[in-house]
Amino acid sequence: QVQLVESGGGLVQAGGSLRLACAASRNTFRIVSMGWYRRSPGKQRDVVATITTSGYTTYADSVKGRFTISRSNAGSTVYLQMNHMKPEDTGVYYCNARAVEGTGVRDDWGQGTQVTVSS
């Protein structure tokens, strides 16, 4: 099991920036990809951005050109730089780690960090 701890959430005005960080520990050698997911009030948890061990990244259409996901050299810390933020970006952001287990994979999740964008 991978342990994940998020940080960097908070309150920001529209047009401002925040940077989230996710530190992974325990069995990190099994991780094949990590990502950020967001749950808005009354909605399900949806993917925001992901990054693989090879450095390949994906983004939700709503954040392309504004958000950037990156990973530390050791590969156990993932960041989400959020620029030109909008009220629609408000929600709880969760860090995800996908790790190999047996012949398949498993997903582990952090506790989440609140991001609120005011207008």
PDB file of N, CA and C in Angstrom:
ATOM      1  N   GLN A   1       0.831  -1.178   0.000  1.00  0.00           N
ATOM      2  CA  GLN A   1       0.000   0.000   0.000  1.00  0.00           C
ATOM      3  C   GLN A   1       0.879   1.247   0.000  1.00  0.00           C
ATOM      4  N   VAL A   2       0.511   2.221  -0.841  1.00  0.00           N
ATOM      5  CA  VAL A   2       1.230   3.477  -0.926  1.00  0.00           C
ATOM      6  C   VAL A   2       0.530   4.509  -0.051  1.00  0.00           C
ATOM      7  N   GLN A   3       1.299   5.227   0.763  1.00  0.00           N
ATOM      8  CA  GLN A   3       0.751   6.306   1.572  1.00  0.00           C
ATOM      9  C   GLN A   3       0.937   7.631   0.842  1.00  0.00           C
ATOM     10  N   LEU A   4      -0.124   8.440   0.782  1.00  0.00           N
ATOM     11  CA  LEU A   4      -0.108   9.702   0.062  1.00  0.00           C
ATOM     12  C   LEU A   4      -0.573  10.836   0.969  1.00  0.00           C
ATOM     13  N   VAL A   5       0.161  11.948   0.966  1.00  0.00           N
ATOM     14  CA  VAL A   5      -0.180  13.116   1.765  1.00  0.00           C
ATOM     15  C   VAL A   5      -0.149  14.348   0.874  1.00  0.00           C
ATOM     16  N   GLU A   6      -1.299  15.029   0.752  1.00  0.00           N
ATOM     17  CA  GLU A   6      -1.407  16.229  -0.072  1.00  0.00           C
ATOM     18  C   GLU A   6      -1.184  17.483   0.766  1.00  0.00           C
ATOM     19  N   SER A   7      -0.734  18.545   0.105  1.00  0.00           N
ATOM     20  CA  SER A   7      -0.572  19.837   0.743  1.00  0.00           C
ATOM     21  C   SER A   7      -0.672  20.935  -0.310  1.00  0.00           C
ATOM     22  N   GLY A   8      -0.874  22.173   0.141  1.00  0.00           N
ATOM     23  CA  GLY A   8      -0.884  23.313  -0.762  1.00  0.00           C
ATOM     24  C   GLY A   8      -2.247  23.888  -1.082  1.00  0.00           C
ATOM     25  N   GLY A   9      -3.312  23.263  -0.620  1.00  0.00           N
ATOM     26  CA  GLY A   9      -4.638  23.780  -0.883  1.00  0.00           C
ATOM     27  C   GLY A   9      -4.908  25.047  -0.098  1.00  0.00           C
ATOM     28  N   GLY A  10      -5.976  25.748  -0.483  1.00  0.00           N
ATOM     29  CA  GLY A  10      -6.327  26.972   0.208  1.00  0.00           C
ATOM     30  C   GLY A  10      -7.304  27.810  -0.577  1.00  0.00           C
ATOM     31  N   LEU A  11      -7.407  29.076  -0.192  1.00  0.00           N
ATOM     32  CA  LEU A  11      -8.312  30.033  -0.825  1.00  0.00           C
ATOM     33  C   LEU A  11      -7.523  30.957  -1.737  1.00  0.00           C
ATOM     34  N   VAL A  12      -8.027  31.161  -2.946  1.00  0.00           N
ATOM     35  CA  VAL A  12      -7.367  32.027  -3.908  1.00  0.00           C
ATOM     36  C   VAL A  12      -8.425  32.751  -4.735  1.00  0.00           C
ATOM     37  N   GLN A  13      -8.111  33.963  -5.167  1.00  0.00           N
ATOM     38  CA  GLN A  13      -9.027  34.713  -6.020  1.00  0.00           C
ATOM     39  C   GLN A  13      -8.914  34.258  -7.470  1.00  0.00           C
ATOM     40  N   ALA A  14      -9.991  34.442  -8.216  1.00  0.00           N
ATOM     41  CA  ALA A  14      -9.972  34.108  -9.634  1.00  0.00           C
ATOM     42  C   ALA A  14      -8.812  34.817 -10.323  1.00  0.00           C
ATOM     43  N   GLY A  15      -8.108  34.068 -11.171  1.00  0.00           N
ATOM     44  CA  GLY A  15      -6.941  34.598 -11.848  1.00  0.00           C
ATOM     45  C   GLY A  15      -5.643  34.326 -11.122  1.00  0.00           C
ATOM     46  N   GLY A  16      -5.723  33.874  -9.882  1.00  0.00           N
ATOM     47  CA  GLY A  16      -4.543  33.593  -9.087  1.00  0.00           C
ATOM     48  C   GLY A  16      -3.994  32.202  -9.318  1.00  0.00           C
ATOM     49  N   SER A  17      -3.007  31.828  -8.494  1.00  0.00           N
ATOM     50  CA  SER A  17      -2.320  30.549  -8.652  1.00  0.00           C
ATOM     51  C   SER A  17      -2.159  29.823  -7.325  1.00  0.00           C
ATOM     52  N   LEU A  18      -2.082  28.503  -7.406  1.00  0.00           N
ATOM     53  CA  LEU A  18      -1.768  27.635  -6.284  1.00  0.00           C
ATOM     54  C   LEU A  18      -0.917  26.484  -6.795  1.00  0.00           C
ATOM     55  N   ARG A  19      -0.099  25.913  -5.917  1.00  0.00           N
ATOM     56  CA  ARG A  19       0.657  24.718  -6.259  1.00  0.00           C
ATOM     57  C   ARG A  19       0.411  23.648  -5.211  1.00  0.00           C
ATOM     58  N   LEU A  20      -0.080  22.511  -5.661  1.00  0.00           N
ATOM     59  CA  LEU A  20      -0.325  21.380  -4.790  1.00  0.00           C
ATOM     60  C   LEU A  20       0.851  20.420  -4.837  1.00  0.00           C
ATOM     61  N   ALA A  21       1.095  19.730  -3.735  1.00  0.00           N
ATOM     62  CA  ALA A  21       2.145  18.724  -3.674  1.00  0.00           C
ATOM     63  C   ALA A  21       1.590  17.450  -3.069  1.00  0.00           C
ATOM     64  N   CYS A  22       2.077  16.326  -3.545  1.00  0.00           N
ATOM     65  CA  CYS A  22       1.679  15.020  -3.032  1.00  0.00           C
ATOM     66  C   CYS A  22       2.928  14.199  -2.785  1.00  0.00           C
ATOM     67  N   ALA A  23       3.168  13.855  -1.528  1.00  0.00           N
ATOM     68  CA  ALA A  23       4.327  13.050  -1.152  1.00  0.00           C
ATOM     69  C   ALA A  23       3.909  11.606  -0.951  1.00  0.00           C
ATOM     70  N   ALA A  24       4.556  10.705  -1.660  1.00  0.00           N
ATOM     71  CA  ALA A  24       4.261   9.276  -1.567  1.00  0.00           C
ATOM     72  C   ALA A  24       5.322   8.566  -0.739  1.00  0.00           C
ATOM     73  N   SER A  25       4.887   7.585   0.040  1.00  0.00           N
ATOM     74  CA  SER A  25       5.801   6.769   0.829  1.00  0.00           C
ATOM     75  C   SER A  25       5.232   5.359   0.945  1.00  0.00           C
ATOM     76  N   ARG A  26       6.076   4.417   1.332  1.00  0.00           N
ATOM     77  CA  ARG A  26       5.694   3.013   1.450  1.00  0.00           C
ATOM     78  C   ARG A  26       5.443   2.389   0.079  1.00  0.00           C
ATOM     79  N   ASN A  27       6.264   1.449  -0.291  1.00  0.00           N
ATOM     80  CA  ASN A  27       6.133   0.705  -1.543  1.00  0.00           C
ATOM     81  C   ASN A  27       6.138   1.604  -2.777  1.00  0.00           C
ATOM     82  N   THR A  28       6.854   2.704  -2.719  1.00  0.00           N
ATOM     83  CA  THR A  28       6.885   3.632  -3.845  1.00  0.00           C
ATOM     84  C   THR A  28       7.541   3.021  -5.079  1.00  0.00           C
ATOM     85  N   PHE A  29       8.349   1.991  -4.883  1.00  0.00           N
ATOM     86  CA  PHE A  29       9.003   1.346  -6.011  1.00  0.00           C
ATOM     87  C   PHE A  29       8.005   0.633  -6.917  1.00  0.00           C
ATOM     88  N   ARG A  30       6.801   0.421  -6.426  1.00  0.00           N
ATOM     89  CA  ARG A  30       5.768  -0.262  -7.213  1.00  0.00           C
ATOM     90  C   ARG A  30       4.917   0.704  -8.047  1.00  0.00           C
ATOM     91  N   ILE A  31       5.091   2.006  -7.857  1.00  0.00           N
ATOM     92  CA  ILE A  31       4.259   2.990  -8.539  1.00  0.00           C
ATOM     93  C   ILE A  31       4.564   3.040 -10.036  1.00  0.00           C
ATOM     94  N   VAL A  32       3.507   3.042 -10.847  1.00  0.00           N
ATOM     95  CA  VAL A  32       3.660   3.157 -12.290  1.00  0.00           C
ATOM     96  C   VAL A  32       3.119   4.485 -12.817  1.00  0.00           C
ATOM     97  N   SER A  33       2.218   5.125 -12.073  1.00  0.00           N
ATOM     98  CA  SER A  33       1.711   6.430 -12.457  1.00  0.00           C
ATOM     99  C   SER A  33       1.103   7.116 -11.237  1.00  0.00           C
ATOM    100  N   MET A  34       0.992   8.442 -11.298  1.00  0.00           N
ATOM    101  CA  MET A  34       0.349   9.215 -10.258  1.00  0.00           C
ATOM    102  C   MET A  34      -0.504  10.293 -10.913  1.00  0.00           C
ATOM    103  N   GLY A  35      -1.443  10.832 -10.148  1.00  0.00           N
ATOM    104  CA  GLY A  35      -2.304  11.842 -10.726  1.00  0.00           C
ATOM    105  C   GLY A  35      -3.082  12.618  -9.691  1.00  0.00           C
ATOM    106  N   TRP A  36      -3.815  13.609 -10.186  1.00  0.00           N
ATOM    107  CA  TRP A  36      -4.677  14.440  -9.359  1.00  0.00           C
ATOM    108  C   TRP A  36      -6.108  14.314  -9.847  1.00  0.00           C
ATOM    109  N   TYR A  37      -7.033  14.126  -8.897  1.00  0.00           N
ATOM    110  CA  TYR A  37      -8.452  14.025  -9.176  1.00  0.00           C
ATOM    111  C   TYR A  37      -9.181  15.072  -8.348  1.00  0.00           C
ATOM    112  N   ARG A  38     -10.321  15.527  -8.842  1.00  0.00           N
ATOM    113  CA  ARG A  38     -11.058  16.597  -8.186  1.00  0.00           C
ATOM    114  C   ARG A  38     -12.517  16.208  -7.986  1.00  0.00           C
ATOM    115  N   ARG A  39     -13.039  16.506  -6.789  1.00  0.00           N
ATOM    116  CA  ARG A  39     -14.444  16.324  -6.508  1.00  0.00           C
ATOM    117  C   ARG A  39     -15.063  17.683  -6.194  1.00  0.00           C
ATOM    118  N   SER A  40     -15.957  18.139  -7.072  1.00  0.00           N
ATOM    119  CA  SER A  40     -16.688  19.376  -6.849  1.00  0.00           C
ATOM    120  C   SER A  40     -17.950  19.055  -6.063  1.00  0.00           C
ATOM    121  N   PRO A  41     -18.522  20.036  -5.351  1.00  0.00           N
ATOM    122  CA  PRO A  41     -19.740  19.786  -4.566  1.00  0.00           C
ATOM    123  C   PRO A  41     -20.843  19.148  -5.397  1.00  0.00           C
ATOM    124  N   GLY A  42     -21.369  18.026  -4.920  1.00  0.00           N
ATOM    125  CA  GLY A  42     -22.452  17.345  -5.602  1.00  0.00           C
ATOM    126  C   GLY A  42     -22.047  16.554  -6.825  1.00  0.00           C
ATOM    127  N   LYS A  43     -20.741  16.423  -7.079  1.00  0.00           N
ATOM    128  CA  LYS A  43     -20.272  15.710  -8.256  1.00  0.00           C
ATOM    129  C   LYS A  43     -19.340  14.564  -7.870  1.00  0.00           C
ATOM    130  N   GLN A  44     -19.102  13.668  -8.824  1.00  0.00           N
ATOM    131  CA  GLN A  44     -18.181  12.565  -8.603  1.00  0.00           C
ATOM    132  C   GLN A  44     -16.743  13.049  -8.731  1.00  0.00           C
ATOM    133  N   ARG A  45     -15.822  12.185  -8.369  1.00  0.00           N
ATOM    134  CA  ARG A  45     -14.409  12.509  -8.470  1.00  0.00           C
ATOM    135  C   ARG A  45     -13.921  12.256  -9.896  1.00  0.00           C
ATOM    136  N   ASP A  46     -13.394  13.294 -10.545  1.00  0.00           N
ATOM    137  CA  ASP A  46     -12.945  13.207 -11.931  1.00  0.00           C
ATOM    138  C   ASP A  46     -11.456  13.506 -12.037  1.00  0.00           C
ATOM    139  N   VAL A  47     -10.830  12.938 -13.055  1.00  0.00           N
ATOM    140  CA  VAL A  47      -9.401  13.126 -13.257  1.00  0.00           C
ATOM    141  C   VAL A  47      -9.104  14.554 -13.702  1.00  0.00           C
ATOM    142  N   VAL A  48      -8.033  15.120 -13.171  1.00  0.00           N
ATOM    143  CA  VAL A  48      -7.565  16.443 -13.553  1.00  0.00           C
ATOM    144  C   VAL A  48      -6.300  16.326 -14.399  1.00  0.00           C
ATOM    145  N   ALA A  49      -5.331  15.540 -13.925  1.00  0.00           N
ATOM    146  CA  ALA A  49      -4.070  15.351 -14.632  1.00  0.00           C
ATOM    147  C   ALA A  49      -3.389  14.088 -14.132  1.00  0.00           C
ATOM    148  N   THR A  50      -2.611  13.445 -15.002  1.00  0.00           N
ATOM    149  CA  THR A  50      -1.856  12.252 -14.627  1.00  0.00           C
ATOM    150  C   THR A  50      -0.460  12.327 -15.222  1.00  0.00           C
ATOM    151  N   ILE A  51       0.465  11.571 -14.627  1.00  0.00           N
ATOM    152  CA  ILE A  51       1.824  11.475 -15.142  1.00  0.00           C
ATOM    153  C   ILE A  51       2.332  10.064 -14.907  1.00  0.00           C
ATOM    154  N   THR A  52       2.930   9.455 -15.930  1.00  0.00           N
ATOM    155  CA  THR A  52       3.455   8.103 -15.835  1.00  0.00           C
ATOM    156  C   THR A  52       4.921   8.127 -15.433  1.00  0.00           C
ATOM    157  N   THR A  53       5.475   6.939 -15.171  1.00  0.00           N
ATOM    158  CA  THR A  53       6.890   6.845 -14.814  1.00  0.00           C
ATOM    159  C   THR A  53       7.797   7.282 -15.957  1.00  0.00           C
ATOM    160  N   SER A  54       7.299   7.218 -17.185  1.00  0.00           N
ATOM    161  CA  SER A  54       8.078   7.652 -18.338  1.00  0.00           C
ATOM    162  C   SER A  54       7.960   9.153 -18.587  1.00  0.00           C
ATOM    163  N   GLY A  55       7.116   9.841 -17.796  1.00  0.00           N
ATOM    164  CA  GLY A  55       6.964  11.272 -17.929  1.00  0.00           C
ATOM    165  C   GLY A  55       5.828  11.720 -18.820  1.00  0.00           C
ATOM    166  N   TYR A  56       5.056  10.788 -19.344  1.00  0.00           N
ATOM    167  CA  TYR A  56       3.922  11.138 -20.194  1.00  0.00           C
ATOM    168  C   TYR A  56       2.797  11.723 -19.350  1.00  0.00           C
ATOM    169  N   THR A  57       2.230  12.843 -19.784  1.00  0.00           N
ATOM    170  CA  THR A  57       1.191  13.532 -19.029  1.00  0.00           C
ATOM    171  C   THR A  57      -0.115  13.612 -19.799  1.00  0.00           C
ATOM    172  N   THR A  58      -1.211  13.649 -19.054  1.00  0.00           N
ATOM    173  CA  THR A  58      -2.530  13.868 -19.622  1.00  0.00           C
ATOM    174  C   THR A  58      -3.248  14.908 -18.771  1.00  0.00           C
ATOM    175  N   TYR A  59      -4.189  15.641 -19.394  1.00  0.00           N
ATOM    176  CA  TYR A  59      -4.940  16.679 -18.709  1.00  0.00           C
ATOM    177  C   TYR A  59      -6.403  16.647 -19.109  1.00  0.00           C
ATOM    178  N   ALA A  60      -7.265  17.009 -18.165  1.00  0.00           N
ATOM    179  CA  ALA A  60      -8.654  17.230 -18.502  1.00  0.00           C
ATOM    180  C   ALA A  60      -8.745  18.448 -19.407  1.00  0.00           C
ATOM    181  N   ASP A  61      -9.694  18.434 -20.335  1.00  0.00           N
ATOM    182  CA  ASP A  61      -9.833  19.547 -21.274  1.00  0.00           C
ATOM    183  C   ASP A  61     -10.021  20.884 -20.560  1.00  0.00           C
ATOM    184  N   SER A  62     -10.689  20.873 -19.426  1.00  0.00           N
ATOM    185  CA  SER A  62     -11.003  22.104 -18.714  1.00  0.00           C
ATOM    186  C   SER A  62      -9.784  22.791 -18.100  1.00  0.00           C
ATOM    187  N   VAL A  63      -8.653  22.080 -17.974  1.00  0.00           N
ATOM    188  CA  VAL A  63      -7.469  22.667 -17.341  1.00  0.00           C
ATOM    189  C   VAL A  63      -6.284  22.793 -18.283  1.00  0.00           C
ATOM    190  N   LYS A  64      -6.401  22.320 -19.502  1.00  0.00           N
ATOM    191  CA  LYS A  64      -5.296  22.401 -20.460  1.00  0.00           C
ATOM    192  C   LYS A  64      -4.886  23.854 -20.683  1.00  0.00           C
ATOM    193  N   GLY A  65      -3.582  24.088 -20.640  1.00  0.00           N
ATOM    194  CA  GLY A  65      -3.057  25.425 -20.818  1.00  0.00           C
ATOM    195  C   GLY A  65      -2.987  26.232 -19.547  1.00  0.00           C
ATOM    196  N   ARG A  66      -3.599  25.741 -18.463  1.00  0.00           N
ATOM    197  CA  ARG A  66      -3.595  26.450 -17.185  1.00  0.00           C
ATOM    198  C   ARG A  66      -2.896  25.669 -16.080  1.00  0.00           C
ATOM    199  N   PHE A  67      -3.039  24.343 -16.073  1.00  0.00           N
ATOM    200  CA  PHE A  67      -2.453  23.493 -15.039  1.00  0.00           C
ATOM    201  C   PHE A  67      -1.279  22.711 -15.611  1.00  0.00           C
ATOM    202  N   THR A  68      -0.291  22.416 -14.761  1.00  0.00           N
ATOM    203  CA  THR A  68       0.856  21.610 -15.151  1.00  0.00           C
ATOM    204  C   THR A  68       1.168  20.603 -14.061  1.00  0.00           C
ATOM    205  N   ILE A  69       1.260  19.325 -14.429  1.00  0.00           N
ATOM    206  CA  ILE A  69       1.631  18.284 -13.482  1.00  0.00           C
ATOM    207  C   ILE A  69       3.102  17.942 -13.694  1.00  0.00           C
ATOM    208  N   SER A  70       3.829  17.703 -12.604  1.00  0.00           N
ATOM    209  CA  SER A  70       5.240  17.372 -12.688  1.00  0.00           C
ATOM    210  C   SER A  70       5.607  16.413 -11.560  1.00  0.00           C
ATOM    211  N   ARG A  71       6.802  15.825 -11.659  1.00  0.00           N
ATOM    212  CA  ARG A  71       7.252  14.832 -10.689  1.00  0.00           C
ATOM    213  C   ARG A  71       8.694  15.095 -10.284  1.00  0.00           C
ATOM    214  N   SER A  72       9.023  14.799  -9.030  1.00  0.00           N
ATOM    215  CA  SER A  72      10.381  14.970  -8.542  1.00  0.00           C
ATOM    216  C   SER A  72      11.301  13.961  -9.206  1.00  0.00           C
ATOM    217  N   ASN A  73      12.621  14.203  -9.106  1.00  0.00           N
ATOM    218  CA  ASN A  73      13.589  13.291  -9.712  1.00  0.00           C
ATOM    219  C   ASN A  73      13.468  11.876  -9.157  1.00  0.00           C
ATOM    220  N   ALA A  74      13.188  11.759  -7.872  1.00  0.00           N
ATOM    221  CA  ALA A  74      13.038  10.448  -7.246  1.00  0.00           C
ATOM    222  C   ALA A  74      11.721   9.789  -7.640  1.00  0.00           C
ATOM    223  N   GLY A  75      10.785  10.577  -8.138  1.00  0.00           N
ATOM    224  CA  GLY A  75       9.519  10.035  -8.598  1.00  0.00           C
ATOM    225  C   GLY A  75       8.468   9.818  -7.528  1.00  0.00           C
ATOM    226  N   SER A  76       8.754  10.188  -6.279  1.00  0.00           N
ATOM    227  CA  SER A  76       7.825   9.941  -5.190  1.00  0.00           C
ATOM    228  C   SER A  76       7.025  11.170  -4.770  1.00  0.00           C
ATOM    229  N   THR A  77       7.267  12.311  -5.391  1.00  0.00           N
ATOM    230  CA  THR A  77       6.511  13.522  -5.112  1.00  0.00           C
ATOM    231  C   THR A  77       5.975  14.085  -6.422  1.00  0.00           C
ATOM    232  N   VAL A  78       4.690  14.397  -6.442  1.00  0.00           N
ATOM    233  CA  VAL A  78       4.045  14.944  -7.625  1.00  0.00           C
ATOM    234  C   VAL A  78       3.461  16.306  -7.292  1.00  0.00           C
ATOM    235  N   TYR A  79       3.570  17.239  -8.236  1.00  0.00           N
ATOM    236  CA  TYR A  79       3.076  18.592  -8.056  1.00  0.00           C
ATOM    237  C   TYR A  79       2.009  18.913  -9.090  1.00  0.00           C
ATOM    238  N   LEU A  80       1.137  19.840  -8.732  1.00  0.00           N
ATOM    239  CA  LEU A  80       0.156  20.365  -9.670  1.00  0.00           C
ATOM    240  C   LEU A  80       0.196  21.884  -9.570  1.00  0.00           C
ATOM    241  N   GLN A  81       0.773  22.523 -10.586  1.00  0.00           N
ATOM    242  CA  GLN A  81       0.816  23.976 -10.652  1.00  0.00           C
ATOM    243  C   GLN A  81      -0.455  24.457 -11.327  1.00  0.00           C
ATOM    244  N   MET A  82      -1.237  25.276 -10.628  1.00  0.00           N
ATOM    245  CA  MET A  82      -2.515  25.754 -11.121  1.00  0.00           C
ATOM    246  C   MET A  82      -2.445  27.262 -11.303  1.00  0.00           C
ATOM    247  N   ASN A  83      -2.557  27.717 -12.542  1.00  0.00           N
ATOM    248  CA  ASN A  83      -2.501  29.136 -12.876  1.00  0.00           C
ATOM    249  C   ASN A  83      -3.818  29.587 -13.488  1.00  0.00           C
ATOM    250  N   HIS A  84      -4.044  30.899 -13.482  1.00  0.00           N
ATOM    251  CA  HIS A  84      -5.252  31.487 -14.058  1.00  0.00           C
ATOM    252  C   HIS A  84      -6.498  30.747 -13.570  1.00  0.00           C
ATOM    253  N   MET A  85      -6.591  30.589 -12.270  1.00  0.00           N
ATOM    254  CA  MET A  85      -7.647  29.774 -11.699  1.00  0.00           C
ATOM    255  C   MET A  85      -9.022  30.419 -11.830  1.00  0.00           C
ATOM    256  N   LYS A  86     -10.034  29.558 -11.929  1.00  0.00           N
ATOM    257  CA  LYS A  86     -11.417  29.960 -12.099  1.00  0.00           C
ATOM    258  C   LYS A  86     -12.262  29.411 -10.959  1.00  0.00           C
ATOM    259  N   PRO A  87     -13.414  30.037 -10.669  1.00  0.00           N
ATOM    260  CA  PRO A  87     -14.295  29.492  -9.631  1.00  0.00           C
ATOM    261  C   PRO A  87     -14.679  28.036  -9.887  1.00  0.00           C
ATOM    262  N   GLU A  88     -14.753  27.624 -11.144  1.00  0.00           N
ATOM    263  CA  GLU A  88     -15.089  26.249 -11.488  1.00  0.00           C
ATOM    264  C   GLU A  88     -14.023  25.254 -11.039  1.00  0.00           C
ATOM    265  N   ASP A  89     -12.830  25.731 -10.683  1.00  0.00           N
ATOM    266  CA  ASP A  89     -11.763  24.858 -10.196  1.00  0.00           C
ATOM    267  C   ASP A  89     -11.948  24.486  -8.729  1.00  0.00           C
ATOM    268  N   THR A  90     -12.916  25.074  -8.060  1.00  0.00           N
ATOM    269  CA  THR A  90     -13.171  24.800  -6.649  1.00  0.00           C
ATOM    270  C   THR A  90     -13.526  23.329  -6.427  1.00  0.00           C
ATOM    271  N   GLY A  91     -12.966  22.738  -5.383  1.00  0.00           N
ATOM    272  CA  GLY A  91     -13.265  21.367  -5.049  1.00  0.00           C
ATOM    273  C   GLY A  91     -12.199  20.772  -4.153  1.00  0.00           C
ATOM    274  N   VAL A  92     -12.377  19.509  -3.815  1.00  0.00           N
ATOM    275  CA  VAL A  92     -11.381  18.775  -3.047  1.00  0.00           C
ATOM    276  C   VAL A  92     -10.498  18.019  -4.032  1.00  0.00           C
ATOM    277  N   TYR A  93      -9.199  18.241  -3.945  1.00  0.00           N
ATOM    278  CA  TYR A  93      -8.240  17.605  -4.843  1.00  0.00           C
ATOM    279  C   TYR A  93      -7.590  16.418  -4.142  1.00  0.00           C
ATOM    280  N   TYR A  94      -7.635  15.261  -4.803  1.00  0.00           N
ATOM    281  CA  TYR A  94      -7.089  14.027  -4.266  1.00  0.00           C
ATOM    282  C   TYR A  94      -5.905  13.556  -5.086  1.00  0.00           C
ATOM    283  N   CYS A  95      -4.870  13.120  -4.409  1.00  0.00           N
ATOM    284  CA  CYS A  95      -3.712  12.530  -5.063  1.00  0.00           C
ATOM    285  C   CYS A  95      -3.936  11.029  -5.227  1.00  0.00           C
ATOM    286  N   ASN A  96      -3.565  10.502  -6.383  1.00  0.00           N
ATOM    287  CA  ASN A  96      -3.708   9.083  -6.690  1.00  0.00           C
ATOM    288  C   ASN A  96      -2.362   8.478  -7.056  1.00  0.00           C
ATOM    289  N   ALA A  97      -2.151   7.246  -6.631  1.00  0.00           N
ATOM    290  CA  ALA A  97      -0.983   6.481  -7.045  1.00  0.00           C
ATOM    291  C   ALA A  97      -1.444   5.118  -7.535  1.00  0.00           C
ATOM    292  N   ARG A  98      -1.037   4.758  -8.746  1.00  0.00           N
ATOM    293  CA  ARG A  98      -1.329   3.437  -9.283  1.00  0.00           C
ATOM    294  C   ARG A  98      -0.065   2.607  -9.185  1.00  0.00           C
ATOM    295  N   ALA A  99      -0.171   1.434  -8.564  1.00  0.00           N
ATOM    296  CA  ALA A  99       0.987   0.595  -8.315  1.00  0.00           C
ATOM    297  C   ALA A  99       0.719  -0.829  -8.772  1.00  0.00           C
ATOM    298  N   VAL A 100       1.776  -1.520  -9.171  1.00  0.00           N
ATOM    299  CA  VAL A 100       1.643  -2.916  -9.581  1.00  0.00           C
ATOM    300  C   VAL A 100       1.435  -3.783  -8.357  1.00  0.00           C
ATOM    301  N   GLU A 101       0.604  -4.803  -8.506  1.00  0.00           N
ATOM    302  CA  GLU A 101       0.342  -5.755  -7.437  1.00  0.00           C
ATOM    303  C   GLU A 101      -0.048  -7.082  -8.090  1.00  0.00           C
ATOM    304  N   GLY A 102       0.788  -8.094  -7.905  1.00  0.00           N
ATOM    305  CA  GLY A 102       0.545  -9.362  -8.556  1.00  0.00           C
ATOM    306  C   GLY A 102       0.583  -9.184 -10.060  1.00  0.00           C
ATOM    307  N   THR A 103      -0.444  -9.682 -10.730  1.00  0.00           N
ATOM    308  CA  THR A 103      -0.533  -9.543 -12.179  1.00  0.00           C
ATOM    309  C   THR A 103      -1.352  -8.333 -12.602  1.00  0.00           C
ATOM    310  N   GLY A 104      -1.823  -7.546 -11.611  1.00  0.00           N
ATOM    311  CA  GLY A 104      -2.629  -6.379 -11.907  1.00  0.00           C
ATOM    312  C   GLY A 104      -2.087  -5.125 -11.255  1.00  0.00           C
ATOM    313  N   VAL A 105      -2.968  -4.164 -11.005  1.00  0.00           N
ATOM    314  CA  VAL A 105      -2.593  -2.910 -10.379  1.00  0.00           C
ATOM    315  C   VAL A 105      -3.598  -2.550  -9.295  1.00  0.00           C
ATOM    316  N   ARG A 106      -3.200  -1.642  -8.404  1.00  0.00           N
ATOM    317  CA  ARG A 106      -4.094  -1.133  -7.379  1.00  0.00           C
ATOM    318  C   ARG A 106      -3.956   0.385  -7.314  1.00  0.00           C
ATOM    319  N   ASP A 107      -5.016   1.047  -6.870  1.00  0.00           N
ATOM    320  CA  ASP A 107      -5.028   2.494  -6.709  1.00  0.00           C
ATOM    321  C   ASP A 107      -5.112   2.866  -5.234  1.00  0.00           C
ATOM    322  N   ASP A 108      -4.257   3.791  -4.815  1.00  0.00           N
ATOM    323  CA  ASP A 108      -4.294   4.334  -3.464  1.00  0.00           C
ATOM    324  C   ASP A 108      -4.550   5.831  -3.542  1.00  0.00           C
ATOM    325  N   TRP A 109      -5.146   6.382  -2.476  1.00  0.00           N
ATOM    326  CA  TRP A 109      -5.600   7.763  -2.487  1.00  0.00           C
ATOM    327  C   TRP A 109      -5.187   8.515  -1.234  1.00  0.00           C
ATOM    328  N   GLY A 110      -4.937   9.813  -1.387  1.00  0.00           N
ATOM    329  CA  GLY A 110      -4.681  10.666  -0.247  1.00  0.00           C
ATOM    330  C   GLY A 110      -5.988  11.115   0.384  1.00  0.00           C
ATOM    331  N   GLN A 111      -5.896  11.869   1.467  1.00  0.00           N
ATOM    332  CA  GLN A 111      -7.079  12.349   2.175  1.00  0.00           C
ATOM    333  C   GLN A 111      -7.776  13.502   1.456  1.00  0.00           C
ATOM    334  N   GLY A 112      -7.077  14.195   0.589  1.00  0.00           N
ATOM    335  CA  GLY A 112      -7.641  15.309  -0.143  1.00  0.00           C
ATOM    336  C   GLY A 112      -7.278  16.646   0.478  1.00  0.00           C
ATOM    337  N   THR A 113      -7.228  17.676  -0.359  1.00  0.00           N
ATOM    338  CA  THR A 113      -6.959  19.035   0.104  1.00  0.00           C
ATOM    339  C   THR A 113      -7.941  19.987  -0.571  1.00  0.00           C
ATOM    340  N   GLN A 114      -8.540  20.875   0.213  1.00  0.00           N
ATOM    341  CA  GLN A 114      -9.574  21.777  -0.286  1.00  0.00           C
ATOM    342  C   GLN A 114      -8.968  22.942  -1.054  1.00  0.00           C
ATOM    343  N   VAL A 115      -9.527  23.213  -2.231  1.00  0.00           N
ATOM    344  CA  VAL A 115      -9.159  24.368  -3.037  1.00  0.00           C
ATOM    345  C   VAL A 115     -10.423  25.177  -3.298  1.00  0.00           C
ATOM    346  N   THR A 116     -10.395  26.455  -2.937  1.00  0.00           N
ATOM    347  CA  THR A 116     -11.540  27.329  -3.136  1.00  0.00           C
ATOM    348  C   THR A 116     -11.115  28.564  -3.922  1.00  0.00           C
ATOM    349  N   VAL A 117     -11.804  28.827  -5.025  1.00  0.00           N
ATOM    350  CA  VAL A 117     -11.509  29.971  -5.875  1.00  0.00           C
ATOM    351  C   VAL A 117     -12.679  30.943  -5.797  1.00  0.00           C
ATOM    352  N   SER A 118     -12.426  32.149  -5.342  1.00  0.00           N
ATOM    353  CA  SER A 118     -13.459  33.165  -5.222  1.00  0.00           C
ATOM    354  C   SER A 118     -13.438  34.097  -6.421  1.00  0.00           C
ATOM    355  N   SER A 119     -14.589  34.705  -6.702  1.00  0.00           N
ATOM    356  CA  SER A 119     -14.695  35.636  -7.818  1.00  0.00           C
ATOM    357  C   SER A 119     -14.626  37.081  -7.357  1.00  0.00           C
TER     358      SER A 119
END
